[in-house]
N, C-alpha and C. Protein backbone atom coordinates (compact mmCIF):
# COMPACT_ATOMS: atom_id res chain seq x y z
N MET A 1 32.45 34.00 48.36
CA MET A 1 32.25 34.65 46.90
C MET A 1 32.55 33.67 46.01
N SER A 2 31.70 33.71 44.74
CA SER A 2 31.65 32.97 43.71
C SER A 2 32.70 33.51 42.73
N SER A 3 33.15 32.63 41.96
CA SER A 3 33.99 33.07 40.82
C SER A 3 33.52 33.15 39.46
N PRO A 4 33.27 34.33 38.82
CA PRO A 4 32.50 34.19 37.59
C PRO A 4 33.44 33.75 36.47
N ALA A 5 32.53 33.52 35.47
CA ALA A 5 33.32 32.99 34.25
C ALA A 5 33.82 34.25 33.52
N PRO A 6 34.59 34.00 32.60
CA PRO A 6 35.10 35.33 31.70
C PRO A 6 34.05 35.95 31.28
N SER A 7 34.11 37.26 30.88
CA SER A 7 32.99 37.75 29.94
C SER A 7 33.14 37.33 28.47
N ALA A 8 31.93 37.58 27.75
CA ALA A 8 32.06 37.14 26.18
C ALA A 8 33.37 38.07 25.41
N ARG A 9 33.47 39.23 25.83
CA ARG A 9 34.52 40.22 25.09
C ARG A 9 35.95 39.65 25.49
N SER A 10 36.15 39.49 26.77
CA SER A 10 37.36 39.01 27.19
C SER A 10 37.71 37.63 26.86
N LEU A 11 36.74 36.74 26.70
CA LEU A 11 36.66 35.54 26.26
C LEU A 11 37.18 35.42 24.84
N GLY A 12 36.65 36.43 23.93
CA GLY A 12 36.96 36.25 22.53
C GLY A 12 38.40 36.79 22.48
N LYS A 13 39.02 37.84 23.13
CA LYS A 13 40.31 38.26 23.05
C LYS A 13 41.34 37.14 23.59
N ALA A 14 40.91 36.49 24.57
CA ALA A 14 41.70 35.46 25.11
C ALA A 14 41.91 34.30 24.27
N SER A 15 40.88 33.88 23.76
CA SER A 15 40.88 32.61 22.95
C SER A 15 41.81 32.48 21.94
N ALA A 16 42.10 33.63 21.27
CA ALA A 16 43.24 33.53 20.04
C ALA A 16 44.63 33.37 20.68
N ARG A 17 44.87 34.12 21.77
CA ARG A 17 46.07 34.03 22.51
C ARG A 17 46.29 32.47 23.07
N SER A 18 45.37 31.97 23.63
CA SER A 18 45.19 30.67 24.24
C SER A 18 45.18 29.54 23.25
N GLY A 19 44.79 29.79 22.11
CA GLY A 19 44.85 28.59 20.96
C GLY A 19 46.32 28.49 20.47
N VAL A 20 47.00 29.66 20.35
CA VAL A 20 48.31 29.59 20.19
C VAL A 20 49.23 28.99 20.98
N THR A 21 49.11 29.25 22.44
CA THR A 21 49.56 28.73 23.59
C THR A 21 49.38 27.37 23.49
N THR A 22 48.18 26.94 23.57
CA THR A 22 47.88 25.54 23.74
C THR A 22 48.61 24.72 22.60
N LEU A 23 48.49 25.13 21.54
CA LEU A 23 49.02 24.49 20.15
C LEU A 23 50.71 24.28 20.54
N SER A 24 51.28 25.31 20.88
CA SER A 24 52.66 25.51 21.07
C SER A 24 52.99 24.25 22.27
N GLY A 25 52.04 24.39 23.22
CA GLY A 25 52.45 23.42 24.38
C GLY A 25 52.06 21.89 23.99
N GLN A 26 51.18 21.60 23.22
CA GLN A 26 51.11 20.34 22.65
C GLN A 26 52.00 19.87 21.96
N MET A 27 52.53 20.74 20.88
CA MET A 27 53.48 20.35 20.09
C MET A 27 54.87 20.07 20.99
N ALA A 28 55.22 20.84 21.80
CA ALA A 28 56.44 20.59 22.81
C ALA A 28 56.22 19.31 23.54
N GLN A 29 54.94 19.02 24.12
CA GLN A 29 54.68 17.69 24.70
C GLN A 29 54.84 16.72 23.58
N LEU A 30 54.56 16.72 22.59
CA LEU A 30 54.52 15.62 21.50
C LEU A 30 56.11 15.41 21.18
N ALA A 31 56.81 16.45 21.46
CA ALA A 31 58.26 16.33 21.05
C ALA A 31 59.02 15.51 22.08
N ILE A 32 58.60 16.04 23.46
CA ILE A 32 59.08 15.15 24.48
C ILE A 32 58.82 13.73 24.53
N GLN A 33 57.46 13.48 24.09
CA GLN A 33 57.19 11.93 23.90
C GLN A 33 57.81 11.10 23.04
N MET A 34 57.99 11.68 21.91
CA MET A 34 58.93 11.36 20.74
C MET A 34 60.26 10.83 21.26
N THR A 35 61.03 12.05 21.92
CA THR A 35 62.18 12.00 22.35
C THR A 35 62.26 10.67 23.32
N ALA A 36 61.40 10.74 24.38
CA ALA A 36 61.25 9.45 25.22
C ALA A 36 61.32 8.11 24.59
N LEU A 37 60.51 8.17 23.52
CA LEU A 37 60.24 6.92 22.71
C LEU A 37 61.54 6.35 22.32
N VAL A 38 62.24 7.39 21.55
CA VAL A 38 63.48 7.08 20.87
C VAL A 38 64.72 6.75 21.93
N VAL A 39 64.71 7.56 22.93
CA VAL A 39 65.80 7.27 23.97
C VAL A 39 65.59 5.83 24.56
N LEU A 40 64.57 5.86 25.15
CA LEU A 40 64.14 4.68 26.10
C LEU A 40 64.06 3.49 25.22
N ALA A 41 63.81 3.54 24.11
CA ALA A 41 63.55 2.27 23.31
C ALA A 41 65.08 1.71 23.20
N ARG A 42 66.15 2.45 23.03
CA ARG A 42 67.48 1.89 23.03
C ARG A 42 68.06 1.43 24.47
N LEU A 43 67.29 1.92 25.47
CA LEU A 43 67.54 1.32 26.65
C LEU A 43 66.99 0.52 27.52
N LEU A 44 65.75 0.01 26.95
CA LEU A 44 64.67 -1.00 27.41
C LEU A 44 64.54 -1.94 26.34
N GLU A 45 64.29 -3.19 26.75
CA GLU A 45 63.95 -4.39 26.00
C GLU A 45 62.54 -4.32 25.49
N PRO A 46 62.14 -4.83 24.29
CA PRO A 46 60.68 -4.96 23.98
C PRO A 46 59.87 -5.48 24.91
N ARG A 47 60.14 -6.58 25.63
CA ARG A 47 59.40 -7.18 26.75
C ARG A 47 59.00 -6.26 27.84
N GLU A 48 59.95 -5.38 28.04
CA GLU A 48 59.67 -4.29 29.19
C GLU A 48 58.61 -3.29 28.78
N TYR A 49 58.78 -2.96 27.51
CA TYR A 49 57.72 -1.93 26.96
C TYR A 49 56.41 -2.63 26.76
N GLY A 50 56.38 -4.01 26.46
CA GLY A 50 55.28 -4.68 26.54
C GLY A 50 54.51 -4.79 27.67
N LEU A 51 55.21 -4.82 28.93
CA LEU A 51 54.66 -4.99 30.36
C LEU A 51 53.96 -3.59 30.54
N MET A 52 54.68 -2.51 30.25
CA MET A 52 54.15 -1.29 30.48
C MET A 52 52.85 -0.84 29.73
N ALA A 53 52.90 -1.66 28.47
CA ALA A 53 51.75 -1.13 27.45
C ALA A 53 50.56 -1.95 28.18
N ILE A 54 50.76 -3.10 28.82
CA ILE A 54 49.43 -3.54 29.44
C ILE A 54 49.19 -2.83 30.63
N VAL A 55 49.89 -2.15 31.42
CA VAL A 55 49.68 -1.36 32.51
C VAL A 55 48.98 -0.09 32.05
N THR A 56 49.34 0.47 30.92
CA THR A 56 48.74 1.81 30.26
C THR A 56 47.50 1.52 29.81
N VAL A 57 47.14 0.22 29.25
CA VAL A 57 45.77 0.06 28.73
C VAL A 57 44.90 -0.10 29.99
N VAL A 58 45.16 -0.75 31.19
CA VAL A 58 44.47 -0.90 32.21
C VAL A 58 44.18 0.26 32.86
N ILE A 59 45.31 1.53 33.16
CA ILE A 59 45.14 2.71 33.54
C ILE A 59 44.21 3.42 32.41
N GLY A 60 44.31 3.37 31.28
CA GLY A 60 43.47 4.14 30.31
C GLY A 60 42.00 3.61 30.54
N ILE A 61 41.74 2.47 30.70
CA ILE A 61 40.28 2.17 31.20
C ILE A 61 39.75 2.84 32.36
N GLY A 62 40.71 2.90 33.38
CA GLY A 62 40.22 3.43 34.44
C GLY A 62 39.98 5.07 34.42
N GLU A 63 40.81 5.72 33.37
CA GLU A 63 40.64 7.17 33.30
C GLU A 63 39.41 7.37 32.64
N VAL A 64 38.87 6.59 32.08
CA VAL A 64 37.60 6.95 31.36
C VAL A 64 36.52 7.15 32.23
N PHE A 65 36.59 6.61 33.47
CA PHE A 65 35.56 6.55 34.58
C PHE A 65 36.05 7.74 35.56
N ARG A 66 37.13 8.09 35.60
CA ARG A 66 37.73 8.85 36.81
C ARG A 66 37.00 10.27 36.82
N ASP A 67 37.04 11.06 35.84
CA ASP A 67 36.69 12.40 35.89
C ASP A 67 35.12 12.59 35.78
N VAL A 68 34.49 11.84 35.17
CA VAL A 68 32.92 11.80 34.96
C VAL A 68 32.27 13.13 34.69
N GLY A 69 32.96 14.11 34.03
CA GLY A 69 32.52 15.33 33.59
C GLY A 69 32.76 16.38 34.72
N LEU A 70 33.24 16.05 35.89
CA LEU A 70 33.48 17.10 37.07
C LEU A 70 34.43 18.41 36.50
N SER A 71 35.32 18.01 35.88
CA SER A 71 36.24 19.21 35.45
C SER A 71 35.83 20.14 34.39
N THR A 72 34.84 19.46 33.38
CA THR A 72 34.23 20.03 32.36
C THR A 72 33.10 20.84 33.10
N ALA A 73 32.46 20.34 34.14
CA ALA A 73 31.30 21.16 35.00
C ALA A 73 31.96 22.48 35.53
N ALA A 74 33.14 22.24 36.20
CA ALA A 74 34.01 23.41 36.91
C ALA A 74 34.23 24.43 35.87
N VAL A 75 34.63 24.04 34.62
CA VAL A 75 34.94 25.14 33.63
C VAL A 75 34.04 25.79 32.99
N GLN A 76 32.94 25.03 32.85
CA GLN A 76 31.65 25.89 32.03
C GLN A 76 30.65 26.42 32.76
N ALA A 77 30.77 26.31 34.35
CA ALA A 77 29.96 26.51 35.05
C ALA A 77 29.80 28.32 35.04
N LYS A 78 28.56 28.98 34.92
CA LYS A 78 28.64 30.61 34.91
C LYS A 78 29.39 31.11 36.16
N GLU A 79 29.00 30.56 37.40
CA GLU A 79 29.69 31.00 38.44
C GLU A 79 30.06 29.89 39.43
N ILE A 80 31.03 29.91 40.18
CA ILE A 80 31.37 28.68 40.93
C ILE A 80 32.05 29.24 42.29
N SER A 81 31.64 28.81 43.26
CA SER A 81 32.04 29.45 44.55
C SER A 81 33.35 28.56 45.04
N PRO A 82 33.93 29.13 46.00
CA PRO A 82 35.14 28.10 46.69
C PRO A 82 34.57 27.16 47.10
N ALA A 83 33.35 26.95 47.91
CA ALA A 83 32.81 25.88 48.49
C ALA A 83 32.48 24.61 47.33
N GLN A 84 31.80 25.18 46.25
CA GLN A 84 31.58 24.33 45.35
C GLN A 84 32.65 23.71 44.62
N ARG A 85 34.01 24.42 44.49
CA ARG A 85 35.19 24.02 44.04
C ARG A 85 35.75 22.89 44.80
N SER A 86 35.57 23.10 46.20
CA SER A 86 35.96 22.36 47.00
C SER A 86 35.54 20.94 47.22
N ASN A 87 34.19 20.92 46.97
CA ASN A 87 33.19 19.90 46.92
C ASN A 87 33.55 19.06 45.60
N LEU A 88 33.91 19.64 44.45
CA LEU A 88 34.30 19.05 43.32
C LEU A 88 35.56 18.27 43.49
N TRP A 89 36.50 18.85 44.15
CA TRP A 89 37.76 18.43 44.31
C TRP A 89 37.72 17.23 45.19
N TRP A 90 36.92 17.14 46.27
CA TRP A 90 36.80 16.06 46.98
C TRP A 90 36.13 15.06 46.31
N CYS A 91 35.15 15.12 45.48
CA CYS A 91 34.46 14.01 44.72
C CYS A 91 35.51 13.69 44.01
N ALA A 92 36.32 14.31 42.94
CA ALA A 92 37.21 13.70 42.28
C ALA A 92 38.27 12.99 42.86
N THR A 93 38.85 13.48 44.03
CA THR A 93 39.66 12.61 44.79
C THR A 93 39.13 11.25 45.19
N GLY A 94 37.82 11.44 45.69
CA GLY A 94 37.36 10.19 46.12
C GLY A 94 37.11 9.12 44.98
N ILE A 95 36.66 9.69 43.82
CA ILE A 95 36.60 8.79 42.61
C ILE A 95 37.88 8.27 42.36
N GLY A 96 39.02 8.94 42.31
CA GLY A 96 40.34 8.32 41.87
C GLY A 96 40.64 7.43 43.12
N SER A 97 40.49 7.63 44.21
CA SER A 97 41.02 6.67 45.44
C SER A 97 40.15 5.46 45.15
N ALA A 98 38.90 5.63 45.02
CA ALA A 98 38.06 4.26 44.64
C ALA A 98 38.58 3.42 43.70
N LEU A 99 39.22 4.14 42.48
CA LEU A 99 39.54 3.37 41.39
C LEU A 99 40.95 2.70 41.58
N ALA A 100 41.63 3.49 42.65
CA ALA A 100 42.88 2.83 43.00
C ALA A 100 42.64 1.62 43.93
N VAL A 101 41.72 1.64 44.78
CA VAL A 101 41.46 0.34 45.71
C VAL A 101 40.89 -0.86 44.76
N LEU A 102 40.13 -0.20 43.72
CA LEU A 102 39.64 -1.29 42.73
C LEU A 102 40.62 -2.11 42.17
N LEU A 103 41.72 -1.18 41.48
CA LEU A 103 42.90 -1.66 40.82
C LEU A 103 43.65 -2.68 41.64
N LEU A 104 43.84 -2.20 42.99
CA LEU A 104 44.54 -2.99 43.89
C LEU A 104 43.93 -4.36 44.05
N CYS A 105 42.61 -4.48 43.99
CA CYS A 105 42.00 -5.75 44.04
C CYS A 105 42.04 -6.62 42.84
N VAL A 106 42.03 -5.94 41.51
CA VAL A 106 42.17 -6.79 40.42
C VAL A 106 43.55 -6.99 39.87
N ALA A 107 44.43 -6.34 40.63
CA ALA A 107 45.96 -6.54 39.98
C ALA A 107 46.25 -7.87 40.07
N PRO A 108 46.22 -8.71 41.15
CA PRO A 108 46.54 -10.04 41.15
C PRO A 108 45.90 -10.95 39.88
N LEU A 109 44.70 -10.54 39.71
CA LEU A 109 43.95 -11.43 38.56
C LEU A 109 44.54 -10.91 37.21
N ILE A 110 44.90 -9.62 36.96
CA ILE A 110 45.40 -9.16 35.66
C ILE A 110 46.73 -9.87 35.34
N ALA A 111 47.68 -9.84 36.55
CA ALA A 111 48.98 -10.47 36.59
C ALA A 111 48.80 -11.87 36.21
N GLY A 112 47.93 -12.58 36.77
CA GLY A 112 47.65 -14.13 36.60
C GLY A 112 47.32 -14.33 35.26
N LEU A 113 46.50 -13.60 34.73
CA LEU A 113 45.80 -13.73 33.43
C LEU A 113 46.93 -13.72 32.21
N TYR A 114 47.91 -12.81 32.46
CA TYR A 114 49.09 -12.55 31.51
C TYR A 114 50.13 -13.46 31.77
N HIS A 115 50.23 -14.16 32.90
CA HIS A 115 51.30 -15.09 33.66
C HIS A 115 52.70 -14.18 33.72
N GLN A 116 52.49 -12.81 34.17
CA GLN A 116 53.64 -12.07 34.30
C GLN A 116 53.62 -11.44 35.68
N PRO A 117 54.28 -12.24 36.75
CA PRO A 117 54.44 -11.83 38.07
C PRO A 117 54.67 -10.34 38.31
N GLU A 118 55.60 -9.67 37.21
CA GLU A 118 56.08 -8.35 37.43
C GLU A 118 54.72 -7.12 37.35
N LEU A 119 53.90 -7.75 36.65
CA LEU A 119 52.75 -7.02 36.53
C LEU A 119 52.05 -6.59 37.79
N LEU A 120 52.06 -7.35 38.88
CA LEU A 120 51.29 -7.01 39.99
C LEU A 120 51.89 -5.84 40.71
N LEU A 121 53.17 -5.67 40.80
CA LEU A 121 53.75 -4.76 41.60
C LEU A 121 53.73 -3.24 40.87
N MET A 122 53.84 -3.51 39.44
CA MET A 122 53.69 -2.44 38.60
C MET A 122 52.27 -1.85 38.63
N LEU A 123 51.25 -2.81 38.49
CA LEU A 123 49.83 -2.17 38.73
C LEU A 123 49.51 -1.46 40.00
N VAL A 124 50.34 -2.13 41.08
CA VAL A 124 50.01 -1.69 42.53
C VAL A 124 50.67 -0.26 42.52
N ALA A 125 51.74 -0.04 41.92
CA ALA A 125 52.39 1.39 41.90
C ALA A 125 51.72 2.25 41.15
N MET A 126 51.08 1.83 40.03
CA MET A 126 50.56 2.83 39.16
C MET A 126 49.20 3.02 39.63
N SER A 127 48.62 2.45 40.53
CA SER A 127 47.15 2.70 41.25
C SER A 127 47.33 3.97 41.70
N ALA A 128 48.43 4.56 42.17
CA ALA A 128 48.48 5.87 42.90
C ALA A 128 48.25 7.05 41.73
N SER A 129 48.25 6.69 40.47
CA SER A 129 47.99 7.75 39.68
C SER A 129 46.65 8.21 39.54
N PHE A 130 45.59 7.34 40.06
CA PHE A 130 44.21 7.64 39.95
C PHE A 130 44.08 8.81 41.05
N PRO A 131 44.28 8.69 42.27
CA PRO A 131 44.00 10.01 43.35
C PRO A 131 44.81 11.13 42.84
N ILE A 132 46.01 10.94 42.45
CA ILE A 132 46.84 12.09 41.98
C ILE A 132 46.38 12.85 40.77
N ALA A 133 45.98 12.10 39.93
CA ALA A 133 44.99 12.73 38.64
C ALA A 133 43.63 13.26 39.17
N GLY A 134 43.06 12.74 40.19
CA GLY A 134 41.78 13.24 40.66
C GLY A 134 42.09 14.61 41.54
N MET A 135 43.13 14.69 42.23
CA MET A 135 43.57 15.88 42.83
C MET A 135 43.80 17.17 41.85
N ALA A 136 44.60 16.80 40.81
CA ALA A 136 45.19 17.72 39.99
C ALA A 136 43.97 18.16 38.98
N SER A 137 42.94 17.33 38.74
CA SER A 137 41.92 17.68 37.80
C SER A 137 41.16 19.08 38.06
N GLN A 138 40.79 19.17 39.38
CA GLN A 138 40.03 20.36 39.54
C GLN A 138 41.12 21.68 39.61
N LEU A 139 42.26 21.46 40.00
CA LEU A 139 43.18 22.49 39.96
C LEU A 139 43.49 22.93 38.56
N ARG A 140 43.66 21.98 37.62
CA ARG A 140 43.84 22.29 36.41
C ARG A 140 42.63 23.05 35.60
N ALA A 141 41.35 22.55 36.27
CA ALA A 141 40.09 23.18 35.63
C ALA A 141 40.26 24.70 36.02
N GLY A 142 40.69 25.03 37.19
CA GLY A 142 40.77 26.30 37.48
C GLY A 142 41.67 27.11 36.60
N PHE A 143 42.72 26.68 36.23
CA PHE A 143 43.58 27.26 35.22
C PHE A 143 42.85 27.62 33.99
N GLN A 144 42.21 26.59 33.59
CA GLN A 144 41.57 26.69 32.15
C GLN A 144 40.56 27.74 32.53
N ARG A 145 39.82 27.76 33.60
CA ARG A 145 38.73 28.73 33.53
C ARG A 145 39.11 30.19 33.71
N GLU A 146 40.42 30.38 34.26
CA GLU A 146 41.04 31.59 34.39
C GLU A 146 41.97 31.90 32.96
N MET A 147 41.80 31.16 32.18
CA MET A 147 42.55 31.25 30.86
C MET A 147 44.08 31.29 30.95
N ARG A 148 44.60 30.62 31.89
CA ARG A 148 45.99 30.47 32.32
C ARG A 148 46.61 29.44 31.25
N PHE A 149 46.44 29.51 30.19
CA PHE A 149 46.74 28.23 29.42
C PHE A 149 48.37 28.32 29.32
N GLY A 150 49.07 29.29 29.23
CA GLY A 150 50.63 29.37 29.22
C GLY A 150 51.25 28.90 30.34
N ALA A 151 50.45 29.07 31.41
CA ALA A 151 51.07 28.55 32.91
C ALA A 151 50.89 26.90 32.73
N LEU A 152 49.70 26.54 32.20
CA LEU A 152 49.52 25.04 31.91
C LEU A 152 50.60 24.45 31.08
N ALA A 153 50.64 25.12 30.06
CA ALA A 153 51.77 24.52 29.06
C ALA A 153 52.87 24.47 29.53
N LEU A 154 53.45 25.69 30.29
CA LEU A 154 54.91 25.33 31.04
C LEU A 154 55.01 24.50 32.03
N ILE A 155 53.89 24.37 32.81
CA ILE A 155 54.03 23.08 33.84
C ILE A 155 54.03 21.80 33.21
N THR A 156 53.21 21.51 32.02
CA THR A 156 53.35 20.34 31.33
C THR A 156 54.81 19.97 30.69
N ILE A 157 55.28 21.18 30.07
CA ILE A 157 56.45 20.92 29.43
C ILE A 157 57.82 20.58 30.50
N VAL A 158 57.83 21.48 31.48
CA VAL A 158 58.84 21.40 32.54
C VAL A 158 58.82 19.94 33.17
N THR A 159 57.42 19.63 33.65
CA THR A 159 57.37 18.31 34.50
C THR A 159 57.66 17.23 33.49
N GLY A 160 57.22 17.28 32.28
CA GLY A 160 57.54 16.19 31.40
C GLY A 160 59.10 16.02 31.13
N LEU A 161 59.79 17.07 30.91
CA LEU A 161 61.35 17.18 30.89
C LEU A 161 61.87 16.28 32.12
N VAL A 162 61.36 16.87 33.22
CA VAL A 162 61.93 16.36 34.37
C VAL A 162 61.51 14.66 34.52
N ALA A 163 60.52 14.38 34.17
CA ALA A 163 59.97 12.97 34.26
C ALA A 163 60.99 12.16 33.25
N LEU A 164 61.03 12.73 32.20
CA LEU A 164 61.97 12.07 31.15
C LEU A 164 63.30 11.79 31.72
N GLY A 165 63.94 12.85 32.15
CA GLY A 165 65.38 12.74 32.81
C GLY A 165 65.29 11.59 33.84
N VAL A 166 64.32 11.67 34.58
CA VAL A 166 64.40 10.62 35.75
C VAL A 166 64.13 9.25 35.14
N ALA A 167 63.48 9.16 34.16
CA ALA A 167 63.46 7.76 33.57
C ALA A 167 64.52 7.42 32.87
N ILE A 168 65.29 8.09 32.27
CA ILE A 168 66.50 7.71 31.53
C ILE A 168 67.49 7.27 32.59
N LEU A 169 67.49 8.08 33.74
CA LEU A 169 68.45 7.57 34.71
C LEU A 169 68.02 6.27 35.27
N ALA A 170 66.84 6.11 35.44
CA ALA A 170 66.40 4.66 35.98
C ALA A 170 66.72 3.62 35.06
N ALA A 171 66.37 3.96 33.68
CA ALA A 171 66.92 2.94 32.74
C ALA A 171 68.32 2.63 32.44
N LEU A 172 69.24 3.67 32.81
CA LEU A 172 70.68 3.41 32.86
C LEU A 172 70.99 2.70 34.14
N SER A 173 70.28 2.83 35.20
CA SER A 173 70.48 2.06 36.52
C SER A 173 70.11 0.59 36.27
N GLY A 174 69.43 0.26 35.34
CA GLY A 174 68.74 -1.09 35.28
C GLY A 174 67.45 -1.39 35.81
N TRP A 175 66.74 -0.43 35.83
CA TRP A 175 65.31 -0.67 36.37
C TRP A 175 64.44 -1.34 35.42
N GLY A 176 64.81 -1.35 34.28
CA GLY A 176 63.94 -1.96 33.29
C GLY A 176 62.61 -1.16 33.25
N ALA A 177 61.56 -2.16 33.10
CA ALA A 177 60.07 -1.57 32.92
C ALA A 177 59.78 -0.53 33.86
N TRP A 178 60.19 -0.49 35.30
CA TRP A 178 60.00 0.34 36.17
C TRP A 178 60.50 1.71 35.86
N ALA A 179 61.29 2.00 34.79
CA ALA A 179 61.68 3.31 34.41
C ALA A 179 60.60 4.15 33.96
N LEU A 180 59.79 3.26 33.10
CA LEU A 180 58.42 3.79 32.48
C LEU A 180 57.46 4.12 33.77
N VAL A 181 57.36 3.17 34.75
CA VAL A 181 56.39 3.53 35.94
C VAL A 181 56.97 4.60 36.57
N VAL A 182 58.16 4.98 36.95
CA VAL A 182 58.74 6.07 37.58
C VAL A 182 58.46 7.37 36.63
N GLN A 183 58.60 7.27 35.39
CA GLN A 183 58.45 8.53 34.51
C GLN A 183 57.05 8.88 34.70
N ASN A 184 55.90 7.94 34.81
CA ASN A 184 54.64 8.32 34.70
C ASN A 184 54.27 9.08 36.13
N LEU A 185 54.62 8.13 37.29
CA LEU A 185 54.42 8.66 38.59
C LEU A 185 55.24 10.14 38.86
N THR A 186 56.39 10.29 38.43
CA THR A 186 57.29 11.53 38.64
C THR A 186 56.27 12.77 37.72
N GLY A 187 55.93 12.48 36.72
CA GLY A 187 55.33 13.33 35.95
C GLY A 187 54.06 13.88 36.40
N ALA A 188 53.29 12.90 37.04
CA ALA A 188 51.99 13.28 37.43
C ALA A 188 52.15 14.05 38.91
N THR A 189 53.15 13.37 39.66
CA THR A 189 53.23 14.19 41.07
C THR A 189 53.84 15.47 40.98
N LEU A 190 54.57 15.64 39.85
CA LEU A 190 55.31 17.10 39.92
C LEU A 190 54.20 18.00 39.39
N SER A 191 53.52 17.50 38.42
CA SER A 191 52.33 18.53 37.72
C SER A 191 51.39 18.62 38.89
N LEU A 192 51.18 17.84 39.88
CA LEU A 192 50.19 18.18 40.92
C LEU A 192 50.73 19.27 41.90
N ILE A 193 52.10 19.04 42.25
CA ILE A 193 52.76 19.94 43.05
C ILE A 193 52.95 21.36 42.40
N ALA A 194 53.09 21.39 41.18
CA ALA A 194 53.38 22.84 40.31
C ALA A 194 51.92 23.41 40.32
N LEU A 195 50.88 22.48 40.24
CA LEU A 195 49.69 23.53 40.00
C LEU A 195 49.08 23.79 41.37
N LEU A 196 49.44 22.96 42.56
CA LEU A 196 49.09 23.53 43.73
C LEU A 196 50.11 24.86 44.12
N LEU A 197 51.16 24.89 43.85
CA LEU A 197 52.04 26.17 43.94
C LEU A 197 51.62 27.23 43.39
N PHE A 198 51.21 27.19 42.10
CA PHE A 198 50.79 28.34 41.21
C PHE A 198 49.25 28.54 41.26
N SER A 199 48.67 28.05 41.97
CA SER A 199 47.21 28.13 42.02
C SER A 199 46.88 29.07 43.01
N SER A 200 45.80 30.23 42.81
CA SER A 200 45.36 30.92 43.92
C SER A 200 44.38 30.23 44.77
N TRP A 201 43.92 29.02 44.43
CA TRP A 201 42.74 28.52 45.14
C TRP A 201 43.34 27.30 45.92
N ARG A 202 42.72 26.97 47.17
CA ARG A 202 43.33 25.84 47.80
C ARG A 202 41.97 24.92 48.35
N PRO A 203 41.87 23.81 47.96
CA PRO A 203 40.70 22.95 48.49
C PRO A 203 40.57 23.03 50.00
N ARG A 204 39.32 23.37 50.40
CA ARG A 204 38.91 23.28 51.92
C ARG A 204 38.11 21.94 52.16
N ARG A 205 37.31 22.10 53.29
CA ARG A 205 36.70 20.79 53.72
C ARG A 205 35.52 20.65 52.72
N TYR A 206 34.82 19.45 52.92
CA TYR A 206 33.68 19.01 52.14
C TYR A 206 32.49 19.84 52.65
N TYR A 207 31.80 20.56 51.92
CA TYR A 207 30.43 21.09 52.36
C TYR A 207 29.15 20.32 51.99
N ARG A 208 28.84 19.70 53.15
CA ARG A 208 27.60 18.90 52.68
C ARG A 208 26.35 19.49 52.26
N PRO A 209 26.00 20.80 52.73
CA PRO A 209 24.55 21.31 52.31
C PRO A 209 24.56 21.58 50.68
N LEU A 210 25.65 21.80 50.13
CA LEU A 210 25.75 22.20 48.69
C LEU A 210 25.31 21.06 47.73
N ARG A 211 24.40 21.28 47.02
CA ARG A 211 23.87 20.21 45.98
C ARG A 211 24.32 20.56 44.61
N LEU A 212 25.61 19.89 44.48
CA LEU A 212 26.29 20.06 43.32
C LEU A 212 25.58 19.97 41.88
N ARG A 213 24.74 18.73 41.90
CA ARG A 213 24.21 18.52 40.63
C ARG A 213 23.02 19.54 40.33
N GLU A 214 22.42 20.03 41.31
CA GLU A 214 21.44 20.94 40.94
C GLU A 214 22.17 22.31 40.57
N GLU A 215 23.21 22.67 41.20
CA GLU A 215 23.83 23.96 41.04
C GLU A 215 24.79 24.15 39.85
N ILE A 216 25.63 23.37 39.64
CA ILE A 216 26.52 23.45 38.55
C ILE A 216 26.75 22.29 37.70
N LEU A 217 26.42 20.96 37.87
CA LEU A 217 26.73 20.07 37.14
C LEU A 217 25.83 19.86 35.71
N PRO A 218 26.56 20.13 34.57
CA PRO A 218 25.64 20.20 33.53
C PRO A 218 25.18 18.98 32.82
N PHE A 219 24.53 18.21 33.65
CA PHE A 219 24.04 16.86 33.21
C PHE A 219 22.57 16.88 32.78
N ARG A 220 21.97 17.76 33.27
CA ARG A 220 20.53 17.83 32.99
C ARG A 220 20.18 18.48 31.65
N PRO A 221 19.40 17.74 30.77
CA PRO A 221 19.10 18.24 29.33
C PRO A 221 18.31 19.61 29.58
N PRO A 222 18.54 20.59 28.49
CA PRO A 222 17.82 21.83 28.56
C PRO A 222 16.15 21.61 28.48
N PRO A 223 15.47 22.56 28.98
CA PRO A 223 14.07 22.39 28.69
C PRO A 223 13.49 22.30 27.14
N SER A 224 12.73 21.45 26.86
CA SER A 224 12.32 21.41 25.53
C SER A 224 11.14 22.56 25.34
N ARG A 225 11.14 22.97 24.02
CA ARG A 225 9.91 23.73 23.69
C ARG A 225 8.77 23.17 23.08
N ASP A 226 8.86 21.65 22.95
CA ASP A 226 7.83 20.76 22.50
C ASP A 226 6.72 20.62 23.62
N PRO A 227 5.60 20.95 23.65
CA PRO A 227 4.50 20.86 24.81
C PRO A 227 4.35 19.57 25.18
N ASP A 228 4.59 18.58 24.24
CA ASP A 228 4.31 17.27 24.64
C ASP A 228 5.41 16.62 25.42
N CYS A 229 6.58 17.14 24.93
CA CYS A 229 7.77 16.68 25.57
C CYS A 229 7.93 17.22 26.76
N GLN A 230 7.50 18.66 27.08
CA GLN A 230 7.84 19.39 28.36
C GLN A 230 6.72 18.68 29.18
N LEU A 231 5.59 18.32 28.71
CA LEU A 231 4.69 17.61 29.73
C LEU A 231 5.14 16.52 30.28
N SER A 232 6.03 15.77 29.27
CA SER A 232 6.41 14.34 29.69
C SER A 232 7.52 14.48 30.69
N LEU A 233 8.42 15.64 30.56
CA LEU A 233 9.35 15.90 31.53
C LEU A 233 8.84 16.22 32.92
N GLU A 234 7.74 17.21 32.97
CA GLU A 234 7.18 17.50 34.20
C GLU A 234 6.72 16.28 34.83
N GLN A 235 6.00 15.37 34.14
CA GLN A 235 5.36 14.33 34.75
C GLN A 235 6.41 13.35 35.51
N ARG A 236 7.83 13.43 34.78
CA ARG A 236 8.79 12.68 35.51
C ARG A 236 9.16 13.18 36.80
């Protein structure tokens, strides 16, 4: 049975509430990030922050290619069946896993480029963030589709606070830059677990007969009313 998108009337009512909830969650997340910056800056050396900055840039580049619009497709589709959601989940997880393997291959090159041997293990560890984010993306899209922005905000705040606490303990224990790695991986992992626990949907096996691009992926342009343009599209 497919999951219909919210009606226009309920969407209008929920938008006002979700806007306030989302804004509050973002402000709380910003406060956590600022607290982490102030506290960890006193516990870590500038060089250790510099190493993590390099890792963050590399991960950020990979994040540009990780989702490729799959979450947006799941949220904006008029109707989406459990089988389609499962296919999207497997696609997102597969892309994240592929990016993790790619990072494992180029990590020695990046560490050698900066002449920082510590970068190698840090990049290897952070490669796990790609499949974790891939698995969480479709679960998060389900929450957005169901207008459960309050639950999303709560998950973000709680996991952020726990991850910050773990990072502080790691920094106090002398883990150095690894405290920042642990913070990122702890937050991502706990977020995935929380999304799984509070989601009413679970991914199933991959359904090969489904054609995702034709059914729900919004990549194809809308038909043009220009006869010349329409003829050109039909000829393609």
